[in-house]
Amino acid sequence: MSESELMRREHEEMTARHRRMTPEERLVAFFHHSQLVYQLYRAGVTYRARHPSASPRRKNRPPPP
């Protein structure tokens, strides 16, 4: 089985699972997703605070050309 075939199958299965979810289940899933994204954000903030040269925050970036 090729990688693209596997990805297509996984996508179809995920879509089918999503369609079977109730609105309440979707809300809970979104809530958990939001918590995970926030945890990733906080981890990045903490890392940058401890390692200032890792990724300097840029204020007032110039507009793209």
PDB file of N, CA and C in Angstrom:
ATOM      1  N   MET A   1       0.849  -1.176   0.000  1.00  0.00           N
ATOM      2  CA  MET A   1       0.000   0.000   0.000  1.00  0.00           C
ATOM      3  C   MET A   1       0.898   1.243   0.000  1.00  0.00           C
ATOM      4  N   SER A   2       0.607   2.188  -0.869  1.00  0.00           N
ATOM      5  CA  SER A   2       1.424   3.385  -0.955  1.00  0.00           C
ATOM      6  C   SER A   2       1.082   4.350   0.181  1.00  0.00           C
ATOM      7  N   GLU A   3       1.993   5.274   0.398  1.00  0.00           N
ATOM      8  CA  GLU A   3       1.791   6.252   1.465  1.00  0.00           C
ATOM      9  C   GLU A   3       0.562   7.117   1.193  1.00  0.00           C
ATOM     10  N   SER A   4       0.355   7.504  -0.065  1.00  0.00           N
ATOM     11  CA  SER A   4      -0.800   8.341  -0.391  1.00  0.00           C
ATOM     12  C   SER A   4      -2.111   7.576  -0.194  1.00  0.00           C
ATOM     13  N   GLU A   5      -2.102   6.277  -0.494  1.00  0.00           N
ATOM     14  CA  GLU A   5      -3.296   5.454  -0.272  1.00  0.00           C
ATOM     15  C   GLU A   5      -3.595   5.351   1.209  1.00  0.00           C
ATOM     16  N   LEU A   6      -2.566   5.170   2.010  1.00  0.00           N
ATOM     17  CA  LEU A   6      -2.746   5.098   3.465  1.00  0.00           C
ATOM     18  C   LEU A   6      -3.278   6.424   4.008  1.00  0.00           C
ATOM     19  N   MET A   7      -2.735   7.523   3.526  1.00  0.00           N
ATOM     20  CA  MET A   7      -3.199   8.847   3.969  1.00  0.00           C
ATOM     21  C   MET A   7      -4.658   9.065   3.570  1.00  0.00           C
ATOM     22  N   ARG A   8      -5.024   8.657   2.380  1.00  0.00           N
ATOM     23  CA  ARG A   8      -6.402   8.813   1.930  1.00  0.00           C
ATOM     24  C   ARG A   8      -7.348   8.014   2.814  1.00  0.00           C
ATOM     25  N   ARG A   9      -6.962   6.778   3.115  1.00  0.00           N
ATOM     26  CA  ARG A   9      -7.797   5.929   3.978  1.00  0.00           C
ATOM     27  C   ARG A   9      -7.964   6.528   5.369  1.00  0.00           C
ATOM     28  N   GLU A  10      -6.844   6.993   5.929  1.00  0.00           N
ATOM     29  CA  GLU A  10      -6.891   7.613   7.257  1.00  0.00           C
ATOM     30  C   GLU A  10      -7.809   8.836   7.240  1.00  0.00           C
ATOM     31  N   HIS A  11      -7.715   9.630   6.190  1.00  0.00           N
ATOM     32  CA  HIS A  11      -8.558  10.813   6.086  1.00  0.00           C
ATOM     33  C   HIS A  11     -10.035  10.426   6.022  1.00  0.00           C
ATOM     34  N   GLU A  12     -10.353   9.411   5.239  1.00  0.00           N
ATOM     35  CA  GLU A  12     -11.742   8.962   5.131  1.00  0.00           C
ATOM     36  C   GLU A  12     -12.272   8.443   6.467  1.00  0.00           C
ATOM     37  N   GLU A  13     -11.430   7.697   7.193  1.00  0.00           N
ATOM     38  CA  GLU A  13     -11.841   7.181   8.506  1.00  0.00           C
ATOM     39  C   GLU A  13     -12.057   8.320   9.499  1.00  0.00           C
ATOM     40  N   MET A  14     -11.173   9.297   9.471  1.00  0.00           N
ATOM     41  CA  MET A  14     -11.303  10.433  10.381  1.00  0.00           C
ATOM     42  C   MET A  14     -12.576  11.223  10.053  1.00  0.00           C
ATOM     43  N   THR A  15     -12.861  11.417   8.797  1.00  0.00           N
ATOM     44  CA  THR A  15     -14.069  12.122   8.393  1.00  0.00           C
ATOM     45  C   THR A  15     -15.317  11.366   8.832  1.00  0.00           C
ATOM     46  N   ALA A  16     -15.310  10.050   8.683  1.00  0.00           N
ATOM     47  CA  ALA A  16     -16.454   9.235   9.109  1.00  0.00           C
ATOM     48  C   ALA A  16     -16.659   9.326  10.620  1.00  0.00           C
ATOM     49  N   ARG A  17     -15.562   9.281  11.390  1.00  0.00           N
ATOM     50  CA  ARG A  17     -15.681   9.411  12.855  1.00  0.00           C
ATOM     51  C   ARG A  17     -16.254  10.776  13.223  1.00  0.00           C
ATOM     52  N   HIS A  18     -15.798  11.802  12.539  1.00  0.00           N
ATOM     53  CA  HIS A  18     -16.266  13.161  12.821  1.00  0.00           C
ATOM     54  C   HIS A  18     -17.772  13.273  12.572  1.00  0.00           C
ATOM     55  N   ARG A  19     -18.244  12.678  11.509  1.00  0.00           N
ATOM     56  CA  ARG A  19     -19.672  12.754  11.179  1.00  0.00           C
ATOM     57  C   ARG A  19     -20.553  12.030  12.189  1.00  0.00           C
ATOM     58  N   ARG A  20     -19.995  11.020  12.865  1.00  0.00           N
ATOM     59  CA  ARG A  20     -20.766  10.270  13.858  1.00  0.00           C
ATOM     60  C   ARG A  20     -20.808  10.971  15.216  1.00  0.00           C
ATOM     61  N   MET A  21     -19.995  11.991  15.401  1.00  0.00           N
ATOM     62  CA  MET A  21     -19.952  12.686  16.695  1.00  0.00           C
ATOM     63  C   MET A  21     -21.194  13.553  16.880  1.00  0.00           C
ATOM     64  N   THR A  22     -21.642  13.623  18.137  1.00  0.00           N
ATOM     65  CA  THR A  22     -22.749  14.513  18.465  1.00  0.00           C
ATOM     66  C   THR A  22     -22.180  15.925  18.609  1.00  0.00           C
ATOM     67  N   PRO A  23     -23.027  16.941  18.572  1.00  0.00           N
ATOM     68  CA  PRO A  23     -22.533  18.306  18.780  1.00  0.00           C
ATOM     69  C   PRO A  23     -21.786  18.464  20.117  1.00  0.00           C
ATOM     70  N   GLU A  24     -22.268  17.787  21.155  1.00  0.00           N
ATOM     71  CA  GLU A  24     -21.600  17.877  22.458  1.00  0.00           C
ATOM     72  C   GLU A  24     -20.208  17.262  22.401  1.00  0.00           C
ATOM     73  N   GLU A  25     -20.079  16.132  21.696  1.00  0.00           N
ATOM     74  CA  GLU A  25     -18.771  15.494  21.558  1.00  0.00           C
ATOM     75  C   GLU A  25     -17.817  16.379  20.755  1.00  0.00           C
ATOM     76  N   ARG A  26     -18.338  17.040  19.757  1.00  0.00           N
ATOM     77  CA  ARG A  26     -17.495  17.959  18.971  1.00  0.00           C
ATOM     78  C   ARG A  26     -17.016  19.120  19.822  1.00  0.00           C
ATOM     79  N   LEU A  27     -17.896  19.628  20.671  1.00  0.00           N
ATOM     80  CA  LEU A  27     -17.523  20.739  21.546  1.00  0.00           C
ATOM     81  C   LEU A  27     -16.433  20.312  22.521  1.00  0.00           C
ATOM     82  N   VAL A  28     -16.577  19.134  23.100  1.00  0.00           N
ATOM     83  CA  VAL A  28     -15.567  18.624  24.029  1.00  0.00           C
ATOM     84  C   VAL A  28     -14.242  18.414  23.293  1.00  0.00           C
ATOM     85  N   ALA A  29     -14.293  17.871  22.091  1.00  0.00           N
ATOM     86  CA  ALA A  29     -13.072  17.655  21.306  1.00  0.00           C
ATOM     87  C   ALA A  29     -12.397  18.989  20.990  1.00  0.00           C
ATOM     88  N   PHE A  30     -13.184  19.994  20.641  1.00  0.00           N
ATOM     89  CA  PHE A  30     -12.615  21.317  20.360  1.00  0.00           C
ATOM     90  C   PHE A  30     -11.982  21.914  21.610  1.00  0.00           C
ATOM     91  N   PHE A  31     -12.636  21.727  22.749  1.00  0.00           N
ATOM     92  CA  PHE A  31     -12.105  22.232  24.014  1.00  0.00           C
ATOM     93  C   PHE A  31     -10.750  21.593  24.309  1.00  0.00           C
ATOM     94  N   HIS A  32     -10.652  20.268  24.157  1.00  0.00           N
ATOM     95  CA  HIS A  32      -9.381  19.579  24.409  1.00  0.00           C
ATOM     96  C   HIS A  32      -8.312  20.025  23.421  1.00  0.00           C
ATOM     97  N   HIS A  33      -8.697  20.191  22.171  1.00  0.00           N
ATOM     98  CA  HIS A  33      -7.758  20.675  21.157  1.00  0.00           C
ATOM     99  C   HIS A  33      -7.227  22.058  21.545  1.00  0.00           C
ATOM    100  N   SER A  34      -8.119  22.935  21.972  1.00  0.00           N
ATOM    101  CA  SER A  34      -7.713  24.287  22.369  1.00  0.00           C
ATOM    102  C   SER A  34      -6.755  24.247  23.551  1.00  0.00           C
ATOM    103  N   GLN A  35      -7.008  23.363  24.510  1.00  0.00           N
ATOM    104  CA  GLN A  35      -6.103  23.238  25.656  1.00  0.00           C
ATOM    105  C   GLN A  35      -4.719  22.781  25.210  1.00  0.00           C
ATOM    106  N   LEU A  36      -4.663  21.827  24.297  1.00  0.00           N
ATOM    107  CA  LEU A  36      -3.377  21.334  23.811  1.00  0.00           C
ATOM    108  C   LEU A  36      -2.611  22.418  23.052  1.00  0.00           C
ATOM    109  N   VAL A  37      -3.308  23.177  22.235  1.00  0.00           N
ATOM    110  CA  VAL A  37      -2.655  24.255  21.487  1.00  0.00           C
ATOM    111  C   VAL A  37      -2.103  25.299  22.457  1.00  0.00           C
ATOM    112  N   TYR A  38      -2.859  25.614  23.503  1.00  0.00           N
ATOM    113  CA  TYR A  38      -2.394  26.586  24.490  1.00  0.00           C
ATOM    114  C   TYR A  38      -1.166  26.050  25.227  1.00  0.00           C
ATOM    115  N   GLN A  39      -1.158  24.764  25.563  1.00  0.00           N
ATOM    116  CA  GLN A  39       0.007  24.175  26.221  1.00  0.00           C
ATOM    117  C   GLN A  39       1.241  24.271  25.339  1.00  0.00           C
ATOM    118  N   LEU A  40       1.080  24.038  24.048  1.00  0.00           N
ATOM    119  CA  LEU A  40       2.203  24.183  23.121  1.00  0.00           C
ATOM    120  C   LEU A  40       2.690  25.631  23.084  1.00  0.00           C
ATOM    121  N   TYR A  41       1.766  26.564  23.062  1.00  0.00           N
ATOM    122  CA  TYR A  41       2.114  27.982  23.048  1.00  0.00           C
ATOM    123  C   TYR A  41       2.899  28.346  24.312  1.00  0.00           C
ATOM    124  N   ARG A  42       2.385  27.917  25.473  1.00  0.00           N
ATOM    125  CA  ARG A  42       3.049  28.237  26.748  1.00  0.00           C
ATOM    126  C   ARG A  42       4.440  27.604  26.803  1.00  0.00           C
ATOM    127  N   ALA A  43       4.582  26.393  26.289  1.00  0.00           N
ATOM    128  CA  ALA A  43       5.892  25.744  26.271  1.00  0.00           C
ATOM    129  C   ALA A  43       6.876  26.566  25.442  1.00  0.00           C
ATOM    130  N   GLY A  44       6.407  27.112  24.325  1.00  0.00           N
ATOM    131  CA  GLY A  44       7.260  27.960  23.501  1.00  0.00           C
ATOM    132  C   GLY A  44       7.658  29.234  24.205  1.00  0.00           C
ATOM    133  N   VAL A  45       6.719  29.844  24.903  1.00  0.00           N
ATOM    134  CA  VAL A  45       7.011  31.067  25.660  1.00  0.00           C
ATOM    135  C   VAL A  45       8.055  30.776  26.731  1.00  0.00           C
ATOM    136  N   THR A  46       7.861  29.678  27.458  1.00  0.00           N
ATOM    137  CA  THR A  46       8.803  29.303  28.510  1.00  0.00           C
ATOM    138  C   THR A  46      10.188  29.025  27.933  1.00  0.00           C
ATOM    139  N   TYR A  47      10.235  28.301  26.827  1.00  0.00           N
ATOM    140  CA  TYR A  47      11.521  27.991  26.199  1.00  0.00           C
ATOM    141  C   TYR A  47      12.231  29.264  25.757  1.00  0.00           C
ATOM    142  N   ARG A  48      11.495  30.155  25.107  1.00  0.00           N
ATOM    143  CA  ARG A  48      12.119  31.398  24.650  1.00  0.00           C
ATOM    144  C   ARG A  48      12.587  32.245  25.818  1.00  0.00           C
ATOM    145  N   ALA A  49      11.874  32.198  26.951  1.00  0.00           N
ATOM    146  CA  ALA A  49      12.282  32.972  28.126  1.00  0.00           C
ATOM    147  C   ALA A  49      13.600  32.438  28.689  1.00  0.00           C
ATOM    148  N   ARG A  50      13.794  31.128  28.612  1.00  0.00           N
ATOM    149  CA  ARG A  50      15.014  30.512  29.143  1.00  0.00           C
ATOM    150  C   ARG A  50      16.166  30.549  28.146  1.00  0.00           C
ATOM    151  N   HIS A  51      15.853  30.653  26.878  1.00  0.00           N
ATOM    152  CA  HIS A  51      16.863  30.661  25.818  1.00  0.00           C
ATOM    153  C   HIS A  51      16.604  31.859  24.902  1.00  0.00           C
ATOM    154  N   PRO A  52      17.005  33.036  25.331  1.00  0.00           N
ATOM    155  CA  PRO A  52      16.677  34.249  24.561  1.00  0.00           C
ATOM    156  C   PRO A  52      17.193  34.250  23.133  1.00  0.00           C
ATOM    157  N   SER A  53      18.278  33.550  22.877  1.00  0.00           N
ATOM    158  CA  SER A  53      18.815  33.556  21.510  1.00  0.00           C
ATOM    159  C   SER A  53      18.107  32.559  20.602  1.00  0.00           C
ATOM    160  N   ALA A  54      17.221  31.737  21.155  1.00  0.00           N
ATOM    161  CA  ALA A  54      16.561  30.706  20.360  1.00  0.00           C
ATOM    162  C   ALA A  54      15.663  31.302  19.290  1.00  0.00           C
ATOM    163  N   SER A  55      14.865  32.244  19.652  1.00  0.00           N
ATOM    164  CA  SER A  55      13.928  32.825  18.701  1.00  0.00           C
ATOM    165  C   SER A  55      13.514  34.193  19.206  1.00  0.00           C
ATOM    166  N   PRO A  56      14.284  35.208  18.872  1.00  0.00           N
ATOM    167  CA  PRO A  56      13.939  36.531  19.396  1.00  0.00           C
ATOM    168  C   PRO A  56      12.588  37.007  18.880  1.00  0.00           C
ATOM    169  N   ARG A  57      11.830  37.580  19.775  1.00  0.00           N
ATOM    170  CA  ARG A  57      10.528  38.128  19.379  1.00  0.00           C
ATOM    171  C   ARG A  57      10.791  39.423  18.645  1.00  0.00           C
ATOM    172  N   ARG A  58      10.130  39.579  17.552  1.00  0.00           N
ATOM    173  CA  ARG A  58      10.324  40.785  16.745  1.00  0.00           C
ATOM    174  C   ARG A  58       9.118  41.686  16.885  1.00  0.00           C
ATOM    175  N   LYS A  59       9.379  42.873  17.354  1.00  0.00           N
ATOM    176  CA  LYS A  59       8.313  43.853  17.440  1.00  0.00           C
ATOM    177  C   LYS A  59       8.440  44.775  16.234  1.00  0.00           C
ATOM    178  N   ASN A  60       7.344  45.240  15.776  1.00  0.00           N
ATOM    179  CA  ASN A  60       7.317  46.189  14.643  1.00  0.00           C
ATOM    180  C   ASN A  60       8.059  45.633  13.431  1.00  0.00           C
ATOM    181  N   ARG A  61       7.667  44.444  13.016  1.00  0.00           N
ATOM    182  CA  ARG A  61       8.266  43.875  11.800  1.00  0.00           C
ATOM    183  C   ARG A  61       7.952  44.777  10.614  1.00  0.00           C
ATOM    184  N   PRO A  62       8.900  44.898   9.715  1.00  0.00           N
ATOM    185  CA  PRO A  62       8.610  45.698   8.522  1.00  0.00           C
ATOM    186  C   PRO A  62       7.580  44.956   7.652  1.00  0.00           C
ATOM    187  N   PRO A  63       6.753  45.685   6.953  1.00  0.00           N
ATOM    188  CA  PRO A  63       5.763  45.033   6.100  1.00  0.00           C
ATOM    189  C   PRO A  63       6.441  44.280   4.972  1.00  0.00           C
ATOM    190  N   PRO A  64       5.810  43.194   4.514  1.00  0.00           N
ATOM    191  CA  PRO A  64       6.410  42.457   3.386  1.00  0.00           C
ATOM    192  C   PRO A  64       6.444  43.308   2.138  1.00  0.00           C
ATOM    193  N   PRO A  65       7.430  43.036   1.274  1.00  0.00           N
ATOM    194  CA  PRO A  65       7.547  43.860   0.041  1.00  0.00           C
ATOM    195  C   PRO A  65       6.405  43.653  -0.902  1.00  0.00           C
TER     196      PRO A  65
END
